[in-house]
Amino acid sequence: MVEPQVATLISHVGQLAAELERVTARLTVLERRLSGAGDGPLVDLDAVAGDIAPLVEALRKAWDAEQEILADPARVQLRQEVLEFDGLKARRDDARSKLDGGRVPRFERDALSHEVRQMEWLINANEASAKRAAERLAADEDAIAEEWRTEAVLAGDKARGEIKDAAARRISEALGQYARMPVWFRVGLGEIPTPDPSFWLESAIAVLAYRLEYGVTDAVSPLGTPPSASSGCQNWVRRTNVYADITDRLTTLAATFHLQ
C-alpha cells in the first residue's frame, strides 16, 4: 500500500527539482543581464559628440566613397565572368576559322559545326550578364581613379582605428563611474567575466565601435539589422564581415555564461 505513494512522491520531487533548476537558470540569466547596470545615471554610449564626431564624419565619407568601389572577391568574380565569356567567343571563332580554312574531314566538320552552334548558344545566354560585369568593372576602375575617393577611404581607415580607441575610453569611463549601461549593452555582453575580462572588454569595444561607425541606434539589439554583402561593394562587404565577427564573439560570451 505504501509503495505507490512513495513512487508518486519521488515523481513529484523530481518534477519540483527540474522546475527549480529551470527557474534558477532563468534567474541566473536575468542577474547576469542586469549586472553592470550600475546605480549612476544612464550613459549614452551612442552619442556622437566631442572627439568622436569628426571620426564618425570621416567614416561616413569613406562609406559614400566606397559605395562605387568593388570588394576584392566581387572584382575577381566579375573578371572571371568576363574572361569566361571572352573564352566562349574565342572558341567559337577558332572553330569557325577551321571550318573556313579549307578541306576538313566530314566527321571533324560535323564536330566543329556542333561546337560552333553550342558556343553560339552559350554566348547568347551569357552575353547580357557578361556585359553587366564588364560595365561594373569599368565603373569600378573609374571610381578607384577618383582622387577624392582615395583620400576619403584612407581617412576612413585611419578613423576606423581611432574610433575603437574612443569607444574603449567611453566604456572605461562609464564602468569607472558605475553608470547604468544601455539595454543593448547588457543584453549583448552580459556579466563581466572573471578572472580575465579581456575578451569581454574587446567585444564591448567592437560592438560600440560598430554602432558608432554604422549609426546603429537600436535600443535592444547590439548590432541592429544584419547587413548584406550581395551588392559586392567594398563598404557592405566590410560591414558584413565585421558583423559576422562580432556576432561570433557575442555567441561565445553567451555560451560562456549559458545565456540561452
C-alpha atoms as a PDB file:
ATOM      1  CA  MET A   1       0.000   0.000   0.000  1.00  0.00           C
ATOM      2  CA  VAL A   2       2.859   2.379   0.783  1.00  0.00           C
ATOM      3  CA  GLU A   3       4.958   1.721  -2.331  1.00  0.00           C
ATOM      4  CA  PRO A   4       2.656   3.534  -4.833  1.00  0.00           C
ATOM      5  CA  GLN A   5       2.563   6.596  -2.555  1.00  0.00           C
ATOM      6  CA  VAL A   6       6.343   6.610  -2.279  1.00  0.00           C
ATOM      7  CA  ALA A   7       6.679   6.326  -6.065  1.00  0.00           C
ATOM      8  CA  THR A   8       4.287   9.263  -6.505  1.00  0.00           C
ATOM      9  CA  LEU A   9       6.247  11.370  -4.021  1.00  0.00           C
ATOM     10  CA  ILE A  10       9.518  10.562  -5.766  1.00  0.00           C
ATOM     11  CA  SER A  11       7.973  11.598  -9.087  1.00  0.00           C
ATOM     12  CA  HIS A  12       6.725  14.888  -7.590  1.00  0.00           C
ATOM     13  CA  VAL A  13      10.109  15.603  -6.052  1.00  0.00           C
ATOM     14  CA  GLY A  14      11.769  15.008  -9.421  1.00  0.00           C
ATOM     15  CA  GLN A  15       9.359  17.387 -11.123  1.00  0.00           C
ATOM     16  CA  LEU A  16       9.941  20.040  -8.445  1.00  0.00           C
ATOM     17  CA  ALA A  17      13.695  19.664  -8.744  1.00  0.00           C
ATOM     18  CA  ALA A  18      13.507  20.084 -12.532  1.00  0.00           C
ATOM     19  CA  GLU A  19      11.303  23.166 -12.159  1.00  0.00           C
ATOM     20  CA  LEU A  20      13.644  24.669  -9.569  1.00  0.00           C
ATOM     21  CA  GLU A  21      16.577  24.056 -11.866  1.00  0.00           C
ATOM     22  CA  ARG A  22      14.741  25.829 -14.707  1.00  0.00           C
ATOM     23  CA  VAL A  23      13.821  28.805 -12.517  1.00  0.00           C
ATOM     24  CA  THR A  24      17.355  29.005 -11.140  1.00  0.00           C
ATOM     25  CA  ALA A  25      18.805  29.030 -14.650  1.00  0.00           C
ATOM     26  CA  ARG A  26      16.385  31.763 -15.656  1.00  0.00           C
ATOM     27  CA  LEU A  27      17.231  33.866 -12.617  1.00  0.00           C
ATOM     28  CA  THR A  28      20.908  33.440 -13.409  1.00  0.00           C
ATOM     29  CA  VAL A  29      20.280  34.763 -16.907  1.00  0.00           C
ATOM     30  CA  LEU A  30      18.395  37.771 -15.580  1.00  0.00           C
ATOM     31  CA  GLU A  31      21.018  38.517 -12.931  1.00  0.00           C
ATOM     32  CA  ARG A  32      23.830  38.414 -15.426  1.00  0.00           C
ATOM     33  CA  ARG A  33      21.996  40.554 -17.945  1.00  0.00           C
ATOM     34  CA  LEU A  34      21.246  43.124 -15.276  1.00  0.00           C
ATOM     35  CA  SER A  35      24.734  43.055 -13.821  1.00  0.00           C
ATOM     36  CA  GLY A  36      26.803  46.108 -14.570  1.00  0.00           C
ATOM     37  CA  ALA A  37      23.661  48.221 -14.663  1.00  0.00           C
ATOM     38  CA  GLY A  38      25.183  50.455 -12.032  1.00  0.00           C
ATOM     39  CA  ASP A  39      23.392  52.890  -9.779  1.00  0.00           C
ATOM     40  CA  GLY A  40      24.538  56.083 -11.509  1.00  0.00           C
ATOM     41  CA  PRO A  41      22.964  57.971 -14.407  1.00  0.00           C
ATOM     42  CA  LEU A  42      22.188  56.162 -17.665  1.00  0.00           C
ATOM     43  CA  VAL A  43      25.146  56.589 -20.016  1.00  0.00           C
ATOM     44  CA  ASP A  44      24.565  57.366 -23.702  1.00  0.00           C
ATOM     45  CA  LEU A  45      27.297  55.305 -25.325  1.00  0.00           C
ATOM     46  CA  ASP A  46      25.910  56.017 -28.805  1.00  0.00           C
ATOM     47  CA  ALA A  47      26.214  59.790 -28.538  1.00  0.00           C
ATOM     48  CA  VAL A  48      28.089  61.308 -31.472  1.00  0.00           C
ATOM     49  CA  ALA A  49      29.819  64.228 -29.774  1.00  0.00           C
ATOM     50  CA  GLY A  50      33.206  65.521 -28.713  1.00  0.00           C
ATOM     51  CA  ASP A  51      36.219  63.743 -30.153  1.00  0.00           C
ATOM     52  CA  ILE A  52      34.009  61.077 -31.726  1.00  0.00           C
ATOM     53  CA  ALA A  53      32.109  63.444 -34.030  1.00  0.00           C
ATOM     54  CA  PRO A  54      34.924  64.086 -36.569  1.00  0.00           C
ATOM     55  CA  LEU A  55      35.771  60.365 -36.618  1.00  0.00           C
ATOM     56  CA  VAL A  56      32.182  59.425 -37.406  1.00  0.00           C
ATOM     57  CA  GLU A  57      32.069  62.089 -40.128  1.00  0.00           C
ATOM     58  CA  ALA A  58      35.218  60.653 -41.726  1.00  0.00           C
ATOM     59  CA  LEU A  59      33.707  57.169 -41.632  1.00  0.00           C
ATOM     60  CA  ARG A  60      30.501  58.415 -43.266  1.00  0.00           C
ATOM     61  CA  LYS A  61      32.509  59.986 -46.113  1.00  0.00           C
ATOM     62  CA  ALA A  62      34.503  56.775 -46.522  1.00  0.00           C
ATOM     63  CA  TRP A  63      31.237  54.817 -46.715  1.00  0.00           C
ATOM     64  CA  ASP A  64      30.000  57.085 -49.518  1.00  0.00           C
ATOM     65  CA  ALA A  65      33.318  56.824 -51.336  1.00  0.00           C
ATOM     66  CA  GLU A  66      33.350  53.021 -51.188  1.00  0.00           C
ATOM     67  CA  GLN A  67      29.779  52.750 -52.452  1.00  0.00           C
ATOM     68  CA  GLU A  68      31.075  52.591 -56.058  1.00  0.00           C
ATOM     69  CA  ILE A  69      34.197  50.532 -55.300  1.00  0.00           C
ATOM     70  CA  LEU A  70      34.075  46.757 -55.519  1.00  0.00           C
ATOM     71  CA  ALA A  71      35.421  44.469 -52.835  1.00  0.00           C
ATOM     72  CA  ASP A  72      38.272  42.232 -53.987  1.00  0.00           C
ATOM     73  CA  PRO A  73      36.209  38.985 -54.069  1.00  0.00           C
ATOM     74  CA  ALA A  74      33.460  40.653 -56.128  1.00  0.00           C
ATOM     75  CA  ARG A  75      36.038  42.128 -58.522  1.00  0.00           C
ATOM     76  CA  VAL A  76      37.680  38.736 -59.027  1.00  0.00           C
ATOM     77  CA  GLN A  77      34.316  37.086 -59.668  1.00  0.00           C
ATOM     78  CA  LEU A  78      33.297  39.691 -62.272  1.00  0.00           C
ATOM     79  CA  ARG A  79      36.653  39.438 -64.037  1.00  0.00           C
ATOM     80  CA  GLN A  80      36.297  35.673 -64.166  1.00  0.00           C
ATOM     81  CA  GLU A  81      32.845  36.060 -65.687  1.00  0.00           C
ATOM     82  CA  VAL A  82      34.177  38.353 -68.423  1.00  0.00           C
ATOM     83  CA  LEU A  83      37.148  36.054 -69.111  1.00  0.00           C
ATOM     84  CA  GLU A  84      34.872  33.032 -69.448  1.00  0.00           C
ATOM     85  CA  PHE A  85      32.648  34.919 -71.896  1.00  0.00           C
ATOM     86  CA  ASP A  86      35.653  36.002 -73.941  1.00  0.00           C
ATOM     87  CA  GLY A  87      36.818  32.386 -73.891  1.00  0.00           C
ATOM     88  CA  LEU A  88      33.500  31.256 -75.379  1.00  0.00           C
ATOM     89  CA  LYS A  89      33.849  33.743 -78.218  1.00  0.00           C
ATOM     90  CA  ALA A  90      37.448  32.689 -78.832  1.00  0.00           C
ATOM     91  CA  ARG A  91      36.443  29.013 -79.052  1.00  0.00           C
ATOM     92  CA  ARG A  92      33.632  29.864 -81.477  1.00  0.00           C
ATOM     93  CA  ASP A  93      35.904  31.960 -83.681  1.00  0.00           C
ATOM     94  CA  ASP A  94      38.594  29.263 -83.656  1.00  0.00           C
ATOM     95  CA  ALA A  95      36.104  26.596 -84.747  1.00  0.00           C
ATOM     96  CA  ARG A  96      34.749  28.875 -87.472  1.00  0.00           C
ATOM     97  CA  SER A  97      38.222  29.574 -88.816  1.00  0.00           C
ATOM     98  CA  LYS A  98      38.900  25.845 -89.081  1.00  0.00           C
ATOM     99  CA  LEU A  99      35.662  25.339 -90.990  1.00  0.00           C
ATOM    100  CA  ASP A 100      36.507  28.162 -93.367  1.00  0.00           C
ATOM    101  CA  GLY A 101      40.159  27.254 -93.692  1.00  0.00           C
ATOM    102  CA  GLY A 102      39.880  24.573 -96.383  1.00  0.00           C
ATOM    103  CA  ARG A 103      39.319  20.864 -96.637  1.00  0.00           C
ATOM    104  CA  VAL A 104      38.195  19.348 -93.354  1.00  0.00           C
ATOM    105  CA  PRO A 105      37.216  15.678 -92.933  1.00  0.00           C
ATOM    106  CA  ARG A 106      33.457  15.166 -92.691  1.00  0.00           C
ATOM    107  CA  PHE A 107      33.479  13.823 -89.129  1.00  0.00           C
ATOM    108  CA  GLU A 108      35.641  16.745 -87.986  1.00  0.00           C
ATOM    109  CA  ARG A 109      33.439  19.249 -89.857  1.00  0.00           C
ATOM    110  CA  ASP A 110      30.366  17.881 -88.077  1.00  0.00           C
ATOM    111  CA  ALA A 111      32.090  18.151 -84.721  1.00  0.00           C
ATOM    112  CA  LEU A 112      33.225  21.717 -85.458  1.00  0.00           C
ATOM    113  CA  SER A 113      29.763  22.716 -86.619  1.00  0.00           C
ATOM    114  CA  HIS A 114      28.286  21.299 -83.432  1.00  0.00           C
ATOM    115  CA  GLU A 115      30.833  23.197 -81.347  1.00  0.00           C
ATOM    116  CA  VAL A 116      30.062  26.467 -83.158  1.00  0.00           C
ATOM    117  CA  ARG A 117      26.323  26.031 -82.513  1.00  0.00           C
ATOM    118  CA  GLN A 118      26.960  25.184 -78.860  1.00  0.00           C
ATOM    119  CA  MET A 119      29.245  28.198 -78.378  1.00  0.00           C
ATOM    120  CA  GLU A 120      26.694  30.469 -80.063  1.00  0.00           C
ATOM    121  CA  TRP A 121      24.021  29.276 -77.667  1.00  0.00           C
ATOM    122  CA  LEU A 122      26.243  29.830 -74.625  1.00  0.00           C
ATOM    123  CA  ILE A 123      27.319  33.256 -75.880  1.00  0.00           C
ATOM    124  CA  ASN A 124      23.709  34.371 -76.350  1.00  0.00           C
ATOM    125  CA  ALA A 125      22.786  33.020 -72.911  1.00  0.00           C
ATOM    126  CA  ASN A 126      25.647  34.804 -71.123  1.00  0.00           C
ATOM    127  CA  GLU A 127      26.044  37.977 -73.168  1.00  0.00           C
ATOM    128  CA  ALA A 128      23.807  40.218 -71.033  1.00  0.00           C
ATOM    129  CA  SER A 129      25.429  39.086 -67.780  1.00  0.00           C
ATOM    130  CA  ALA A 130      28.945  39.485 -69.181  1.00  0.00           C
ATOM    131  CA  LYS A 131      28.084  42.960 -70.443  1.00  0.00           C
ATOM    132  CA  ARG A 132      26.879  43.996 -66.987  1.00  0.00           C
ATOM    133  CA  ALA A 133      30.032  42.566 -65.438  1.00  0.00           C
ATOM    134  CA  ALA A 134      32.244  44.499 -67.865  1.00  0.00           C
ATOM    135  CA  GLU A 135      30.343  47.731 -67.201  1.00  0.00           C
ATOM    136  CA  ARG A 136      30.627  47.172 -63.451  1.00  0.00           C
ATOM    137  CA  LEU A 137      34.375  46.644 -63.725  1.00  0.00           C
ATOM    138  CA  ALA A 138      34.758  49.768 -65.858  1.00  0.00           C
ATOM    139  CA  ALA A 139      32.805  51.810 -63.300  1.00  0.00           C
ATOM    140  CA  ASP A 140      34.968  50.352 -60.546  1.00  0.00           C
ATOM    141  CA  GLU A 141      38.156  51.419 -62.349  1.00  0.00           C
ATOM    142  CA  ASP A 142      36.769  54.923 -62.843  1.00  0.00           C
ATOM    143  CA  ALA A 143      35.810  55.159 -59.159  1.00  0.00           C
ATOM    144  CA  ILE A 144      39.230  53.995 -57.985  1.00  0.00           C
ATOM    145  CA  ALA A 145      40.860  56.631 -60.175  1.00  0.00           C
ATOM    146  CA  GLU A 146      38.943  59.465 -58.491  1.00  0.00           C
ATOM    147  CA  GLU A 147      41.268  61.209 -56.070  1.00  0.00           C
ATOM    148  CA  TRP A 148      38.586  62.257 -53.591  1.00  0.00           C
ATOM    149  CA  ARG A 149      37.516  58.655 -53.140  1.00  0.00           C
ATOM    150  CA  THR A 150      41.060  57.531 -52.445  1.00  0.00           C
ATOM    151  CA  GLU A 151      41.514  60.280 -49.872  1.00  0.00           C
ATOM    152  CA  ALA A 152      38.176  59.501 -48.198  1.00  0.00           C
ATOM    153  CA  VAL A 153      38.942  55.774 -47.990  1.00  0.00           C
ATOM    154  CA  LEU A 154      42.368  56.415 -46.450  1.00  0.00           C
ATOM    155  CA  ALA A 155      40.858  58.850 -43.941  1.00  0.00           C
ATOM    156  CA  GLY A 156      38.201  56.242 -43.127  1.00  0.00           C
ATOM    157  CA  ASP A 157      40.815  53.557 -42.482  1.00  0.00           C
ATOM    158  CA  LYS A 158      42.587  55.902 -40.081  1.00  0.00           C
ATOM    159  CA  ALA A 159      39.327  56.888 -38.353  1.00  0.00           C
ATOM    160  CA  ARG A 160      38.332  53.223 -38.022  1.00  0.00           C
ATOM    161  CA  GLY A 161      41.279  52.576 -35.749  1.00  0.00           C
ATOM    162  CA  GLU A 162      40.703  55.763 -33.778  1.00  0.00           C
ATOM    163  CA  ILE A 163      37.013  55.070 -33.245  1.00  0.00           C
ATOM    164  CA  LYS A 164      37.946  51.878 -31.405  1.00  0.00           C
ATOM    165  CA  ASP A 165      40.230  53.825 -29.101  1.00  0.00           C
ATOM    166  CA  ALA A 166      37.457  56.342 -28.470  1.00  0.00           C
ATOM    167  CA  ALA A 167      34.980  53.523 -27.790  1.00  0.00           C
ATOM    168  CA  ALA A 168      37.422  51.982 -25.323  1.00  0.00           C
ATOM    169  CA  ARG A 169      37.749  55.284 -23.455  1.00  0.00           C
ATOM    170  CA  ARG A 170      33.991  55.794 -23.356  1.00  0.00           C
ATOM    171  CA  ILE A 171      33.316  52.304 -21.957  1.00  0.00           C
ATOM    172  CA  SER A 172      36.144  52.618 -19.434  1.00  0.00           C
ATOM    173  CA  GLU A 173      34.778  55.929 -18.166  1.00  0.00           C
ATOM    174  CA  ALA A 174      31.243  54.542 -17.880  1.00  0.00           C
ATOM    175  CA  LEU A 175      32.416  51.488 -15.928  1.00  0.00           C
ATOM    176  CA  GLY A 176      34.604  53.648 -13.724  1.00  0.00           C
ATOM    177  CA  GLN A 177      31.632  55.845 -12.833  1.00  0.00           C
ATOM    178  CA  TYR A 178      29.453  52.788 -12.219  1.00  0.00           C
ATOM    179  CA  ALA A 179      26.947  54.267 -14.653  1.00  0.00           C
ATOM    180  CA  ARG A 180      23.857  52.423 -15.820  1.00  0.00           C
ATOM    181  CA  MET A 181      24.600  50.800 -19.166  1.00  0.00           C
ATOM    182  CA  PRO A 182      22.082  50.805 -22.058  1.00  0.00           C
ATOM    183  CA  VAL A 183      19.810  47.805 -22.526  1.00  0.00           C
ATOM    184  CA  TRP A 184      21.600  46.695 -25.724  1.00  0.00           C
ATOM    185  CA  PHE A 185      24.905  46.642 -23.834  1.00  0.00           C
ATOM    186  CA  ARG A 186      23.611  44.436 -21.012  1.00  0.00           C
ATOM    187  CA  VAL A 187      21.676  42.134 -23.332  1.00  0.00           C
ATOM    188  CA  GLY A 188      24.563  41.615 -25.714  1.00  0.00           C
ATOM    189  CA  LEU A 189      27.501  41.429 -23.328  1.00  0.00           C
ATOM    190  CA  GLY A 190      26.107  40.173 -20.035  1.00  0.00           C
ATOM    191  CA  GLU A 191      28.260  39.989 -16.929  1.00  0.00           C
ATOM    192  CA  ILE A 192      31.933  40.894 -16.852  1.00  0.00           C
ATOM    193  CA  PRO A 193      33.733  37.556 -16.587  1.00  0.00           C
ATOM    194  CA  THR A 194      36.426  36.731 -14.111  1.00  0.00           C
ATOM    195  CA  PRO A 195      39.314  36.322 -13.699  1.00  0.00           C
ATOM    196  CA  ASP A 196      40.182  37.515 -17.240  1.00  0.00           C
ATOM    197  CA  PRO A 197      37.745  40.101 -18.645  1.00  0.00           C
ATOM    198  CA  SER A 198      39.883  40.947 -21.702  1.00  0.00           C
ATOM    199  CA  PHE A 199      37.744  39.107 -24.263  1.00  0.00           C
ATOM    200  CA  TRP A 200      34.577  40.650 -22.826  1.00  0.00           C
ATOM    201  CA  LEU A 201      36.110  44.146 -22.977  1.00  0.00           C
ATOM    202  CA  GLU A 202      37.379  43.666 -26.534  1.00  0.00           C
ATOM    203  CA  SER A 203      33.903  42.529 -27.568  1.00  0.00           C
ATOM    204  CA  ALA A 204      32.271  45.521 -25.864  1.00  0.00           C
ATOM    205  CA  ILE A 205      34.634  47.907 -27.674  1.00  0.00           C
ATOM    206  CA  ALA A 206      33.973  46.183 -31.002  1.00  0.00           C
ATOM    207  CA  VAL A 207      30.189  46.443 -30.539  1.00  0.00           C
ATOM    208  CA  LEU A 208      30.286  50.136 -29.628  1.00  0.00           C
ATOM    209  CA  ALA A 209      32.699  50.964 -32.463  1.00  0.00           C
ATOM    210  CA  TYR A 210      30.366  49.164 -34.881  1.00  0.00           C
ATOM    211  CA  ARG A 211      27.344  51.097 -33.627  1.00  0.00           C
ATOM    212  CA  LEU A 212      29.155  54.410 -33.911  1.00  0.00           C
ATOM    213  CA  GLU A 213      30.592  53.706 -37.361  1.00  0.00           C
ATOM    214  CA  TYR A 214      27.343  52.489 -38.897  1.00  0.00           C
ATOM    215  CA  GLY A 215      24.892  54.657 -36.986  1.00  0.00           C
ATOM    216  CA  VAL A 216      23.130  51.789 -35.197  1.00  0.00           C
ATOM    217  CA  THR A 217      20.644  53.154 -32.656  1.00  0.00           C
ATOM    218  CA  ASP A 218      18.579  50.059 -31.825  1.00  0.00           C
ATOM    219  CA  ALA A 219      17.788  50.188 -28.111  1.00  0.00           C
ATOM    220  CA  VAL A 220      17.783  46.406 -27.616  1.00  0.00           C
ATOM    221  CA  SER A 221      19.775  44.722 -30.400  1.00  0.00           C
ATOM    222  CA  PRO A 222      23.522  45.400 -30.028  1.00  0.00           C
ATOM    223  CA  LEU A 223      24.199  45.300 -33.776  1.00  0.00           C
ATOM    224  CA  GLY A 224      20.838  46.232 -35.244  1.00  0.00           C
ATOM    225  CA  THR A 225      19.652  44.810 -38.573  1.00  0.00           C
ATOM    226  CA  PRO A 226      22.044  42.303 -40.227  1.00  0.00           C
ATOM    227  CA  PRO A 227      23.789  43.808 -43.282  1.00  0.00           C
ATOM    228  CA  SER A 228      24.057  42.159 -46.694  1.00  0.00           C
ATOM    229  CA  ALA A 229      27.111  41.895 -48.938  1.00  0.00           C
ATOM    230  CA  SER A 230      25.057  40.992 -52.027  1.00  0.00           C
ATOM    231  CA  SER A 231      25.935  44.284 -53.761  1.00  0.00           C
ATOM    232  CA  GLY A 232      29.632  43.386 -53.777  1.00  0.00           C
ATOM    233  CA  CYS A 233      30.550  46.950 -52.783  1.00  0.00           C
ATOM    234  CA  GLN A 234      33.553  47.302 -50.524  1.00  0.00           C
ATOM    235  CA  ASN A 235      31.677  49.098 -47.741  1.00  0.00           C
ATOM    236  CA  TRP A 236      28.902  46.494 -47.474  1.00  0.00           C
ATOM    237  CA  VAL A 237      31.289  43.542 -47.662  1.00  0.00           C
ATOM    238  CA  ARG A 238      33.413  45.010 -44.862  1.00  0.00           C
ATOM    239  CA  ARG A 239      30.372  45.710 -42.705  1.00  0.00           C
ATOM    240  CA  THR A 240      29.021  42.195 -43.244  1.00  0.00           C
ATOM    241  CA  ASN A 241      32.356  40.647 -42.279  1.00  0.00           C
ATOM    242  CA  VAL A 242      32.637  42.784 -39.140  1.00  0.00           C
ATOM    243  CA  TYR A 243      29.037  41.965 -38.209  1.00  0.00           C
ATOM    244  CA  ALA A 244      29.756  38.240 -38.523  1.00  0.00           C
ATOM    245  CA  ASP A 245      32.934  38.518 -36.424  1.00  0.00           C
ATOM    246  CA  ILE A 246      31.204  40.413 -33.607  1.00  0.00           C
ATOM    247  CA  THR A 247      28.222  38.053 -33.698  1.00  0.00           C
ATOM    248  CA  ASP A 248      30.625  35.149 -33.166  1.00  0.00           C
ATOM    249  CA  ARG A 249      32.123  37.000 -30.209  1.00  0.00           C
ATOM    250  CA  LEU A 250      28.733  37.585 -28.605  1.00  0.00           C
ATOM    251  CA  THR A 251      27.782  33.957 -29.191  1.00  0.00           C
ATOM    252  CA  THR A 252      30.964  32.885 -27.413  1.00  0.00           C
ATOM    253  CA  LEU A 253      30.142  35.145 -24.469  1.00  0.00           C
ATOM    254  CA  ALA A 254      26.588  33.818 -24.328  1.00  0.00           C
ATOM    255  CA  ALA A 255      27.858  30.239 -24.323  1.00  0.00           C
ATOM    256  CA  THR A 256      30.363  31.086 -21.610  1.00  0.00           C
ATOM    257  CA  PHE A 257      27.629  32.346 -19.301  1.00  0.00           C
ATOM    258  CA  HIS A 258      24.925  29.927 -20.536  1.00  0.00           C
ATOM    259  CA  LEU A 259      22.773  32.846 -21.633  1.00  0.00           C
ATOM    260  CA  GLN A 260      20.465  30.788 -23.789  1.00  0.00           C
END
